[in-house]
All heavy atoms as atom14 arrays in JSON, in Angstrom:
{
  "sequence": "IGEVHLYVGALIFFLTTSFLCGISQSMGELVIFRTLQGLAAAPLFPM",
  "atom14_mask": [
    [1, 1, 1, 1, 1, 1, 1, 1, 0, 0, 0, 0, 0, 0],
    [1, 1, 1, 1, 0, 0, 0, 0, 0, 0, 0, 0, 0, 0],
    [1, 1, 1, 1, 1, 1, 1, 1, 1, 0, 0, 0, 0, 0],
    [1, 1, 1, 1, 1, 1, 1, 0, 0, 0, 0, 0, 0, 0],
    [1, 1, 1, 1, 1, 1, 1, 1, 1, 1, 0, 0, 0, 0],
    [1, 1, 1, 1, 1, 1, 1, 1, 0, 0, 0, 0, 0, 0],
    [1, 1, 1, 1, 1, 1, 1, 1, 1, 1, 1, 1, 0, 0],
    [1, 1, 1, 1, 1, 1, 1, 0, 0, 0, 0, 0, 0, 0],
    [1, 1, 1, 1, 0, 0, 0, 0, 0, 0, 0, 0, 0, 0],
    [1, 1, 1, 1, 1, 0, 0, 0, 0, 0, 0, 0, 0, 0],
    [1, 1, 1, 1, 1, 1, 1, 1, 0, 0, 0, 0, 0, 0],
    [1, 1, 1, 1, 1, 1, 1, 1, 0, 0, 0, 0, 0, 0],
    [1, 1, 1, 1, 1, 1, 1, 1, 1, 1, 1, 0, 0, 0],
    [1, 1, 1, 1, 1, 1, 1, 1, 1, 1, 1, 0, 0, 0],
    [1, 1, 1, 1, 1, 1, 1, 1, 0, 0, 0, 0, 0, 0],
    [1, 1, 1, 1, 1, 1, 1, 0, 0, 0, 0, 0, 0, 0],
    [1, 1, 1, 1, 1, 1, 1, 0, 0, 0, 0, 0, 0, 0],
    [1, 1, 1, 1, 1, 1, 0, 0, 0, 0, 0, 0, 0, 0],
    [1, 1, 1, 1, 1, 1, 1, 1, 1, 1, 1, 0, 0, 0],
    [1, 1, 1, 1, 1, 1, 1, 1, 0, 0, 0, 0, 0, 0],
    [1, 1, 1, 1, 1, 1, 0, 0, 0, 0, 0, 0, 0, 0],
    [1, 1, 1, 1, 0, 0, 0, 0, 0, 0, 0, 0, 0, 0],
    [1, 1, 1, 1, 1, 1, 1, 1, 0, 0, 0, 0, 0, 0],
    [1, 1, 1, 1, 1, 1, 0, 0, 0, 0, 0, 0, 0, 0],
    [1, 1, 1, 1, 1, 1, 1, 1, 1, 0, 0, 0, 0, 0],
    [1, 1, 1, 1, 1, 1, 0, 0, 0, 0, 0, 0, 0, 0],
    [1, 1, 1, 1, 1, 1, 1, 1, 0, 0, 0, 0, 0, 0],
    [1, 1, 1, 1, 0, 0, 0, 0, 0, 0, 0, 0, 0, 0],
    [1, 1, 1, 1, 1, 1, 1, 1, 1, 0, 0, 0, 0, 0],
    [1, 1, 1, 1, 1, 1, 1, 1, 0, 0, 0, 0, 0, 0],
    [1, 1, 1, 1, 1, 1, 1, 0, 0, 0, 0, 0, 0, 0],
    [1, 1, 1, 1, 1, 1, 1, 1, 0, 0, 0, 0, 0, 0],
    [1, 1, 1, 1, 1, 1, 1, 1, 1, 1, 1, 0, 0, 0],
    [1, 1, 1, 1, 1, 1, 1, 1, 1, 1, 1, 0, 0, 0],
    [1, 1, 1, 1, 1, 1, 1, 0, 0, 0, 0, 0, 0, 0],
    [1, 1, 1, 1, 1, 1, 1, 1, 0, 0, 0, 0, 0, 0],
    [1, 1, 1, 1, 1, 1, 1, 1, 1, 0, 0, 0, 0, 0],
    [1, 1, 1, 1, 0, 0, 0, 0, 0, 0, 0, 0, 0, 0],
    [1, 1, 1, 1, 1, 1, 1, 1, 0, 0, 0, 0, 0, 0],
    [1, 1, 1, 1, 1, 0, 0, 0, 0, 0, 0, 0, 0, 0],
    [1, 1, 1, 1, 1, 0, 0, 0, 0, 0, 0, 0, 0, 0],
    [1, 1, 1, 1, 1, 0, 0, 0, 0, 0, 0, 0, 0, 0],
    [1, 1, 1, 1, 1, 1, 1, 0, 0, 0, 0, 0, 0, 0],
    [1, 1, 1, 1, 1, 1, 1, 1, 0, 0, 0, 0, 0, 0],
    [1, 1, 1, 1, 1, 1, 1, 1, 1, 1, 1, 0, 0, 0],
    [1, 1, 1, 1, 1, 1, 1, 0, 0, 0, 0, 0, 0, 0],
    [1, 1, 1, 1, 1, 1, 1, 1, 0, 0, 0, 0, 0, 0]
  ],
  "atom14_positions": [
    [[-72.44, 21.71, -10.25], [-71.75, 22.72, -11.08], [-70.86, 23.67, -10.26], [-70.13, 24.49, -10.83], [-72.85, 23.59, -11.84], [-73.7, 24.4, -10.8], [-73.69, 22.71, -12.71], [-74.69, 25.34, -11.5], [0.0, 0.0, 0.0], [0.0, 0.0, 0.0], [0.0, 0.0, 0.0], [0.0, 0.0, 0.0], [0.0, 0.0, 0.0], [0.0, 0.0, 0.0]],
    [[-70.86, 23.58, -8.94], [-70.0, 24.4, -8.09], [-70.7, 25.59, -7.6], [-71.62, 26.16, -8.17], [0.0, 0.0, 0.0], [0.0, 0.0, 0.0], [0.0, 0.0, 0.0], [0.0, 0.0, 0.0], [0.0, 0.0, 0.0], [0.0, 0.0, 0.0], [0.0, 0.0, 0.0], [0.0, 0.0, 0.0], [0.0, 0.0, 0.0], [0.0, 0.0, 0.0]],
    [[-70.28, 26.09, -6.41], [-70.9, 27.15, -5.68], [-70.86, 28.48, -6.52], [-71.76, 29.21, -6.63], [-70.31, 27.36, -4.33], [-70.6, 26.28, -3.35], [-69.42, 25.27, -3.33], [-68.71, 25.19, -4.27], [-69.33, 24.54, -2.27], [0.0, 0.0, 0.0], [0.0, 0.0, 0.0], [0.0, 0.0, 0.0], [0.0, 0.0, 0.0], [0.0, 0.0, 0.0]],
    [[-69.66, 28.77, -7.11], [-69.51, 30.04, -7.79], [-70.34, 30.06, -9.04], [-71.05, 31.02, -9.37], [-67.97, 30.22, -8.2], [-67.78, 31.5, -9.03], [-67.16, 30.32, -6.91], [0.0, 0.0, 0.0], [0.0, 0.0, 0.0], [0.0, 0.0, 0.0], [0.0, 0.0, 0.0], [0.0, 0.0, 0.0], [0.0, 0.0, 0.0], [0.0, 0.0, 0.0]],
    [[-70.3, 28.95, -9.89], [-71.09, 28.9, -11.05], [-72.57, 28.94, -10.79], [-73.32, 29.61, -11.49], [-70.76, 27.59, -11.83], [-69.37, 27.54, -12.46], [-68.76, 26.38, -12.77], [-68.55, 28.52, -12.75], [-67.55, 26.65, -13.27], [-67.42, 27.96, -13.22], [0.0, 0.0, 0.0], [0.0, 0.0, 0.0], [0.0, 0.0, 0.0], [0.0, 0.0, 0.0]],
    [[-73.0, 28.26, -9.74], [-74.38, 28.4, -9.37], [-74.77, 29.76, -8.98], [-75.88, 30.26, -9.37], [-74.69, 27.38, -8.18], [-76.14, 27.39, -7.67], [-77.17, 27.11, -8.78], [-76.28, 26.4, -6.51], [0.0, 0.0, 0.0], [0.0, 0.0, 0.0], [0.0, 0.0, 0.0], [0.0, 0.0, 0.0], [0.0, 0.0, 0.0], [0.0, 0.0, 0.0]],
    [[-74.0, 30.44, -8.17], [-74.3, 31.81, -7.66], [-74.38, 32.75, -8.84], [-75.3, 33.53, -9.0], [-73.22, 32.2, -6.64], [-73.68, 33.5, -5.9], [-74.56, 33.47, -4.86], [-73.13, 34.76, -6.28], [-74.93, 34.57, -4.19], [-73.48, 35.89, -5.61], [-74.44, 35.81, -4.59], [-74.79, 36.95, -3.9], [0.0, 0.0, 0.0], [0.0, 0.0, 0.0]],
    [[-73.33, 32.74, -9.7], [-73.33, 33.63, -10.83], [-74.44, 33.28, -11.84], [-75.12, 34.23, -12.3], [-71.95, 33.63, -11.56], [-71.97, 34.34, -12.87], [-70.88, 34.07, -10.61], [0.0, 0.0, 0.0], [0.0, 0.0, 0.0], [0.0, 0.0, 0.0], [0.0, 0.0, 0.0], [0.0, 0.0, 0.0], [0.0, 0.0, 0.0], [0.0, 0.0, 0.0]],
    [[-74.69, 32.02, -12.08], [-75.8, 31.65, -12.99], [-77.13, 32.14, -12.44], [-77.97, 32.61, -13.21], [0.0, 0.0, 0.0], [0.0, 0.0, 0.0], [0.0, 0.0, 0.0], [0.0, 0.0, 0.0], [0.0, 0.0, 0.0], [0.0, 0.0, 0.0], [0.0, 0.0, 0.0], [0.0, 0.0, 0.0], [0.0, 0.0, 0.0], [0.0, 0.0, 0.0]],
    [[-77.3, 31.97, -11.15], [-78.6, 32.32, -10.54], [-78.71, 33.92, -10.67], [-79.84, 34.41, -10.89], [-78.66, 31.98, -9.11], [0.0, 0.0, 0.0], [0.0, 0.0, 0.0], [0.0, 0.0, 0.0], [0.0, 0.0, 0.0], [0.0, 0.0, 0.0], [0.0, 0.0, 0.0], [0.0, 0.0, 0.0], [0.0, 0.0, 0.0], [0.0, 0.0, 0.0]],
    [[-77.62, 34.61, -10.47], [-77.7, 36.08, -10.6], [-78.11, 36.46, -12.02], [-78.95, 37.36, -12.26], [-76.36, 36.69, -10.23], [-76.11, 37.09, -8.79], [-74.74, 37.65, -8.6], [-77.13, 38.15, -8.38], [0.0, 0.0, 0.0], [0.0, 0.0, 0.0], [0.0, 0.0, 0.0], [0.0, 0.0, 0.0], [0.0, 0.0, 0.0], [0.0, 0.0, 0.0]],
    [[-77.43, 35.88, -13.03], [-77.73, 36.2, -14.38], [-79.25, 35.86, -14.74], [-79.91, 36.6, -15.41], [-76.8, 35.48, -15.33], [-75.36, 36.04, -15.18], [-77.23, 35.66, -16.83], [-74.33, 35.23, -15.96], [0.0, 0.0, 0.0], [0.0, 0.0, 0.0], [0.0, 0.0, 0.0], [0.0, 0.0, 0.0], [0.0, 0.0, 0.0], [0.0, 0.0, 0.0]],
    [[-79.6, 34.72, -14.26], [-81.02, 34.33, -14.51], [-82.0, 35.28, -13.81], [-83.07, 35.61, -14.38], [-81.26, 32.89, -13.96], [-82.52, 32.26, -14.29], [-83.34, 32.61, -15.41], [-83.07, 31.26, -13.48], [-84.55, 32.09, -15.68], [-84.32, 30.65, -13.8], [-85.08, 31.11, -14.88], [0.0, 0.0, 0.0], [0.0, 0.0, 0.0], [0.0, 0.0, 0.0]],
    [[-81.64, 35.72, -12.55], [-82.43, 36.72, -11.83], [-82.53, 38.02, -12.55], [-83.68, 38.58, -12.7], [-81.83, 36.94, -10.49], [-82.6, 37.78, -9.58], [-83.66, 37.29, -8.87], [-82.2, 39.11, -9.4], [-84.38, 38.12, -8.01], [-82.92, 39.97, -8.54], [-84.02, 39.43, -7.83], [0.0, 0.0, 0.0], [0.0, 0.0, 0.0], [0.0, 0.0, 0.0]],
    [[-81.42, 38.49, -13.15], [-81.45, 39.73, -13.92], [-82.3, 39.58, -15.2], [-83.06, 40.54, -15.5], [-80.06, 40.16, -14.3], [-79.02, 40.41, -13.2], [-77.7, 40.81, -13.7], [-79.57, 41.45, -12.2], [0.0, 0.0, 0.0], [0.0, 0.0, 0.0], [0.0, 0.0, 0.0], [0.0, 0.0, 0.0], [0.0, 0.0, 0.0], [0.0, 0.0, 0.0]],
    [[-82.21, 38.49, -15.85], [-83.01, 38.29, -17.09], [-84.5, 38.31, -16.69], [-85.25, 38.94, -17.47], [-82.6, 36.92, -17.72], [-81.21, 36.9, -17.99], [-83.41, 36.7, -18.98], [0.0, 0.0, 0.0], [0.0, 0.0, 0.0], [0.0, 0.0, 0.0], [0.0, 0.0, 0.0], [0.0, 0.0, 0.0], [0.0, 0.0, 0.0], [0.0, 0.0, 0.0]],
    [[-84.89, 37.53, -15.7], [-86.26, 37.5, -15.31], [-86.76, 38.84, -14.79], [-87.97, 39.18, -14.95], [-86.52, 36.36, -14.3], [-85.64, 36.52, -13.19], [-86.35, 35.0, -14.96], [0.0, 0.0, 0.0], [0.0, 0.0, 0.0], [0.0, 0.0, 0.0], [0.0, 0.0, 0.0], [0.0, 0.0, 0.0], [0.0, 0.0, 0.0], [0.0, 0.0, 0.0]],
    [[-85.92, 39.62, -14.12], [-86.29, 40.93, -13.66], [-86.67, 41.82, -14.86], [-87.66, 42.56, -14.86], [-85.15, 41.55, -12.88], [-84.93, 40.88, -11.66], [0.0, 0.0, 0.0], [0.0, 0.0, 0.0], [0.0, 0.0, 0.0], [0.0, 0.0, 0.0], [0.0, 0.0, 0.0], [0.0, 0.0, 0.0], [0.0, 0.0, 0.0], [0.0, 0.0, 0.0]],
    [[-85.82, 41.73, -15.94], [-86.15, 42.54, -17.19], [-87.41, 42.06, -17.78], [-88.29, 42.91, -18.16], [-85.02, 42.35, -18.13], [-85.25, 43.01, -19.48], [-85.17, 44.36, -19.61], [-85.56, 42.23, -20.59], [-85.42, 44.98, -20.86], [-85.8, 42.83, -21.82], [-85.76, 44.18, -21.94], [0.0, 0.0, 0.0], [0.0, 0.0, 0.0], [0.0, 0.0, 0.0]],
    [[-87.66, 40.75, -17.83], [-88.92, 40.23, -18.4], [-90.1, 40.67, -17.59], [-91.11, 40.94, -18.17], [-88.81, 38.77, -18.49], [-87.78, 38.18, -19.51], [-87.7, 36.65, -19.42], [-88.14, 38.6, -20.94], [0.0, 0.0, 0.0], [0.0, 0.0, 0.0], [0.0, 0.0, 0.0], [0.0, 0.0, 0.0], [0.0, 0.0, 0.0], [0.0, 0.0, 0.0]],
    [[-89.96, 40.67, -16.23], [-91.02, 41.19, -15.39], [-91.41, 42.65, -15.76], [-92.56, 43.0, -15.84], [-90.69, 41.09, -13.95], [-90.7, 39.42, -13.26], [0.0, 0.0, 0.0], [0.0, 0.0, 0.0], [0.0, 0.0, 0.0], [0.0, 0.0, 0.0], [0.0, 0.0, 0.0], [0.0, 0.0, 0.0], [0.0, 0.0, 0.0], [0.0, 0.0, 0.0]],
    [[-90.36, 43.41, -15.95], [-90.55, 44.85, -16.25], [-91.26, 45.13, -17.62], [-91.93, 46.11, -17.63], [0.0, 0.0, 0.0], [0.0, 0.0, 0.0], [0.0, 0.0, 0.0], [0.0, 0.0, 0.0], [0.0, 0.0, 0.0], [0.0, 0.0, 0.0], [0.0, 0.0, 0.0], [0.0, 0.0, 0.0], [0.0, 0.0, 0.0], [0.0, 0.0, 0.0]],
    [[-91.08, 44.21, -18.54], [-91.69, 44.51, -19.88], [-92.94, 43.68, -20.07], [-93.5, 43.66, -21.2], [-90.69, 44.16, -21.0], [-90.29, 42.69, -21.03], [-89.44, 45.09, -20.88], [-89.46, 42.28, -22.21], [0.0, 0.0, 0.0], [0.0, 0.0, 0.0], [0.0, 0.0, 0.0], [0.0, 0.0, 0.0], [0.0, 0.0, 0.0], [0.0, 0.0, 0.0]],
    [[-93.44, 43.04, -19.02], [-94.68, 42.24, -19.13], [-95.86, 43.14, -19.53], [-96.02, 44.22, -19.08], [-95.0, 41.54, -17.77], [-93.95, 40.66, -17.44], [0.0, 0.0, 0.0], [0.0, 0.0, 0.0], [0.0, 0.0, 0.0], [0.0, 0.0, 0.0], [0.0, 0.0, 0.0], [0.0, 0.0, 0.0], [0.0, 0.0, 0.0], [0.0, 0.0, 0.0]],
    [[-96.66, 42.56, -20.41], [-97.85, 43.3, -20.89], [-99.16, 42.8, -20.39], [-100.21, 43.41, -20.68], [-97.87, 43.22, -22.46], [-96.61, 43.84, -23.13], [-96.46, 45.34, -22.78], [-97.46, 46.12, -23.0], [-95.36, 45.74, -22.32], [0.0, 0.0, 0.0], [0.0, 0.0, 0.0], [0.0, 0.0, 0.0], [0.0, 0.0, 0.0], [0.0, 0.0, 0.0]],
    [[-99.13, 41.71, -19.61], [-100.36, 41.17, -18.97], [-100.03, 40.55, -17.71], [-98.84, 40.23, -17.38], [-100.98, 40.13, -19.97], [-100.14, 38.96, -20.02], [0.0, 0.0, 0.0], [0.0, 0.0, 0.0], [0.0, 0.0, 0.0], [0.0, 0.0, 0.0], [0.0, 0.0, 0.0], [0.0, 0.0, 0.0], [0.0, 0.0, 0.0], [0.0, 0.0, 0.0]],
    [[-101.07, 40.33, -16.9], [-100.88, 39.75, -15.57], [-100.33, 38.33, -15.69], [-99.48, 37.86, -14.99], [-102.17, 39.76, -14.77], [-102.07, 39.21, -13.37], [-100.8, 39.94, -12.35], [-101.53, 41.62, -12.11], [0.0, 0.0, 0.0], [0.0, 0.0, 0.0], [0.0, 0.0, 0.0], [0.0, 0.0, 0.0], [0.0, 0.0, 0.0], [0.0, 0.0, 0.0]],
    [[-100.79, 37.54, -16.73], [-100.39, 36.19, -17.0], [-98.9, 36.13, -17.18], [-98.15, 35.36, -16.62], [0.0, 0.0, 0.0], [0.0, 0.0, 0.0], [0.0, 0.0, 0.0], [0.0, 0.0, 0.0], [0.0, 0.0, 0.0], [0.0, 0.0, 0.0], [0.0, 0.0, 0.0], [0.0, 0.0, 0.0], [0.0, 0.0, 0.0], [0.0, 0.0, 0.0]],
    [[-98.42, 37.06, -18.04], [-96.97, 37.11, -18.37], [-96.19, 37.48, -17.08], [-95.16, 36.91, -16.78], [-96.68, 38.22, -19.39], [-97.09, 37.84, -20.77], [-96.69, 38.91, -21.82], [-95.98, 39.87, -21.43], [-97.16, 38.83, -22.94], [0.0, 0.0, 0.0], [0.0, 0.0, 0.0], [0.0, 0.0, 0.0], [0.0, 0.0, 0.0], [0.0, 0.0, 0.0]],
    [[-96.66, 38.46, -16.28], [-95.97, 38.93, -15.11], [-95.83, 37.79, -14.07], [-94.77, 37.55, -13.46], [-96.66, 40.13, -14.47], [-95.95, 40.73, -13.21], [-94.52, 41.14, -13.51], [-96.76, 41.93, -12.76], [0.0, 0.0, 0.0], [0.0, 0.0, 0.0], [0.0, 0.0, 0.0], [0.0, 0.0, 0.0], [0.0, 0.0, 0.0], [0.0, 0.0, 0.0]],
    [[-96.95, 37.04, -13.89], [-96.94, 35.95, -12.94], [-95.94, 34.85, -13.38], [-95.21, 34.28, -12.55], [-98.3, 35.35, -12.72], [-98.28, 34.05, -12.0], [-99.26, 36.36, -12.07], [0.0, 0.0, 0.0], [0.0, 0.0, 0.0], [0.0, 0.0, 0.0], [0.0, 0.0, 0.0], [0.0, 0.0, 0.0], [0.0, 0.0, 0.0], [0.0, 0.0, 0.0]],
    [[-95.94, 34.51, -14.63], [-94.95, 33.53, -15.13], [-93.49, 33.95, -14.94], [-92.7, 33.16, -14.44], [-95.14, 33.25, -16.67], [-96.5, 32.48, -16.87], [-94.07, 32.45, -17.25], [-96.89, 32.41, -18.32], [0.0, 0.0, 0.0], [0.0, 0.0, 0.0], [0.0, 0.0, 0.0], [0.0, 0.0, 0.0], [0.0, 0.0, 0.0], [0.0, 0.0, 0.0]],
    [[-93.16, 35.22, -15.21], [-91.83, 35.7, -15.02], [-91.49, 35.84, -13.59], [-90.34, 35.65, -13.19], [-91.61, 36.99, -15.83], [-91.72, 36.84, -17.29], [-92.41, 37.81, -18.12], [-91.2, 35.77, -17.97], [-92.51, 37.65, -19.45], [-91.3, 35.6, -19.3], [-91.97, 36.47, -20.03], [0.0, 0.0, 0.0], [0.0, 0.0, 0.0], [0.0, 0.0, 0.0]],
    [[-92.44, 36.22, -12.71], [-92.15, 36.33, -11.3], [-91.95, 34.92, -10.72], [-91.09, 34.76, -9.82], [-93.39, 36.93, -10.56], [-93.35, 38.45, -10.57], [-92.33, 39.05, -9.69], [-92.78, 38.99, -8.25], [-92.0, 39.45, -7.26], [-90.79, 39.92, -7.51], [-92.48, 39.45, -6.0], [0.0, 0.0, 0.0], [0.0, 0.0, 0.0], [0.0, 0.0, 0.0]],
    [[-92.6, 33.89, -11.29], [-92.34, 32.53, -10.87], [-90.89, 32.14, -11.19], [-90.17, 31.61, -10.36], [-93.3, 31.57, -11.6], [-94.61, 31.92, -11.23], [-93.03, 30.12, -11.15], [0.0, 0.0, 0.0], [0.0, 0.0, 0.0], [0.0, 0.0, 0.0], [0.0, 0.0, 0.0], [0.0, 0.0, 0.0], [0.0, 0.0, 0.0], [0.0, 0.0, 0.0]],
    [[-90.43, 32.44, -12.34], [-89.08, 32.2, -12.8], [-88.07, 33.03, -12.0], [-86.94, 32.52, -11.64], [-88.88, 32.45, -14.28], [-89.7, 31.61, -15.23], [-89.51, 31.99, -16.68], [-89.3, 30.17, -15.09], [0.0, 0.0, 0.0], [0.0, 0.0, 0.0], [0.0, 0.0, 0.0], [0.0, 0.0, 0.0], [0.0, 0.0, 0.0], [0.0, 0.0, 0.0]],
    [[-88.42, 34.26, -11.66], [-87.54, 35.08, -10.82], [-87.38, 34.46, -9.43], [-86.28, 34.53, -8.88], [-88.13, 36.51, -10.75], [-87.15, 37.53, -10.08], [-87.83, 38.82, -9.79], [-89.04, 38.87, -9.42], [-87.09, 39.88, -10.0], [0.0, 0.0, 0.0], [0.0, 0.0, 0.0], [0.0, 0.0, 0.0], [0.0, 0.0, 0.0], [0.0, 0.0, 0.0]],
    [[-88.45, 33.92, -8.9], [-88.36, 33.33, -7.59], [-87.47, 32.05, -7.6], [-86.68, 31.9, -6.66], [0.0, 0.0, 0.0], [0.0, 0.0, 0.0], [0.0, 0.0, 0.0], [0.0, 0.0, 0.0], [0.0, 0.0, 0.0], [0.0, 0.0, 0.0], [0.0, 0.0, 0.0], [0.0, 0.0, 0.0], [0.0, 0.0, 0.0], [0.0, 0.0, 0.0]],
    [[-87.51, 31.28, -8.65], [-86.58, 30.13, -8.78], [-85.15, 30.62, -8.95], [-84.28, 30.04, -8.31], [-87.0, 29.32, -10.06], [-88.22, 28.48, -9.99], [-88.52, 27.85, -11.3], [-88.09, 27.36, -8.94], [0.0, 0.0, 0.0], [0.0, 0.0, 0.0], [0.0, 0.0, 0.0], [0.0, 0.0, 0.0], [0.0, 0.0, 0.0], [0.0, 0.0, 0.0]],
    [[-84.95, 31.65, -9.68], [-83.59, 32.2, -9.82], [-83.07, 32.76, -8.52], [-81.84, 32.59, -8.26], [-83.57, 33.32, -10.88], [0.0, 0.0, 0.0], [0.0, 0.0, 0.0], [0.0, 0.0, 0.0], [0.0, 0.0, 0.0], [0.0, 0.0, 0.0], [0.0, 0.0, 0.0], [0.0, 0.0, 0.0], [0.0, 0.0, 0.0], [0.0, 0.0, 0.0]],
    [[-83.92, 33.35, -7.68], [-83.47, 33.89, -6.5], [-83.16, 32.86, -5.39], [-82.45, 33.14, -4.44], [-84.49, 34.88, -5.91], [0.0, 0.0, 0.0], [0.0, 0.0, 0.0], [0.0, 0.0, 0.0], [0.0, 0.0, 0.0], [0.0, 0.0, 0.0], [0.0, 0.0, 0.0], [0.0, 0.0, 0.0], [0.0, 0.0, 0.0], [0.0, 0.0, 0.0]],
    [[-83.7, 31.61, -5.5], [-83.59, 30.61, -4.46], [-82.16, 30.35, -4.02], [-81.81, 30.19, -2.83], [-84.3, 29.37, -4.93], [0.0, 0.0, 0.0], [0.0, 0.0, 0.0], [0.0, 0.0, 0.0], [0.0, 0.0, 0.0], [0.0, 0.0, 0.0], [0.0, 0.0, 0.0], [0.0, 0.0, 0.0], [0.0, 0.0, 0.0], [0.0, 0.0, 0.0]],
    [[-81.13, 30.13, -4.97], [-79.82, 29.79, -4.53], [-79.06, 30.95, -3.89], [-77.96, 30.68, -3.26], [-79.13, 29.3, -5.8], [-80.22, 29.1, -6.8], [-81.26, 30.06, -6.41], [0.0, 0.0, 0.0], [0.0, 0.0, 0.0], [0.0, 0.0, 0.0], [0.0, 0.0, 0.0], [0.0, 0.0, 0.0], [0.0, 0.0, 0.0], [0.0, 0.0, 0.0]],
    [[-79.47, 32.19, -4.03], [-78.61, 33.29, -3.67], [-78.27, 33.42, -2.19], [-77.08, 33.5, -1.83], [-79.32, 34.62, -4.14], [-79.49, 34.77, -5.63], [-80.14, 36.1, -5.92], [-78.13, 34.69, -6.38], [0.0, 0.0, 0.0], [0.0, 0.0, 0.0], [0.0, 0.0, 0.0], [0.0, 0.0, 0.0], [0.0, 0.0, 0.0], [0.0, 0.0, 0.0]],
    [[-79.25, 33.21, -1.35], [-78.89, 33.37, 0.1], [-78.11, 32.18, 0.58], [-77.09, 32.36, 1.24], [-80.22, 33.51, 0.89], [-79.93, 34.01, 2.33], [-79.9, 35.34, 2.63], [-79.74, 33.06, 3.37], [-79.67, 35.79, 3.9], [-79.47, 33.51, 4.64], [-79.45, 34.89, 4.94], [0.0, 0.0, 0.0], [0.0, 0.0, 0.0], [0.0, 0.0, 0.0]],
    [[-78.5, 30.92, 0.4], [-77.66, 29.81, 0.93], [-76.3, 29.77, 0.36], [-75.31, 29.52, 1.01], [-78.53, 28.59, 0.59], [-79.49, 28.95, -0.43], [-79.81, 30.42, -0.2], [0.0, 0.0, 0.0], [0.0, 0.0, 0.0], [0.0, 0.0, 0.0], [0.0, 0.0, 0.0], [0.0, 0.0, 0.0], [0.0, 0.0, 0.0], [0.0, 0.0, 0.0]],
    [[-76.18, 30.05, -0.99], [-74.86, 30.02, -1.59], [-73.97, 31.16, -1.09], [-72.72, 31.04, -1.02], [-74.96, 30.13, -3.12], [-75.4, 28.75, -3.73], [-74.23, 27.39, -3.37], [-75.06, 26.6, -2.01], [0.0, 0.0, 0.0], [0.0, 0.0, 0.0], [0.0, 0.0, 0.0], [0.0, 0.0, 0.0], [0.0, 0.0, 0.0], [0.0, 0.0, 0.0]]
  ]
}
């Protein structure tokens, strides 16, 4: 998909999961959203 699209897409996904982490109502929800946030953050440094 290209470096720029991947970097921007990862940033948007990261922001979305950050918001979901903040509104989590249970530990189960928070762990799930933190898992997704970690996936979203993965491309940011190498890209």
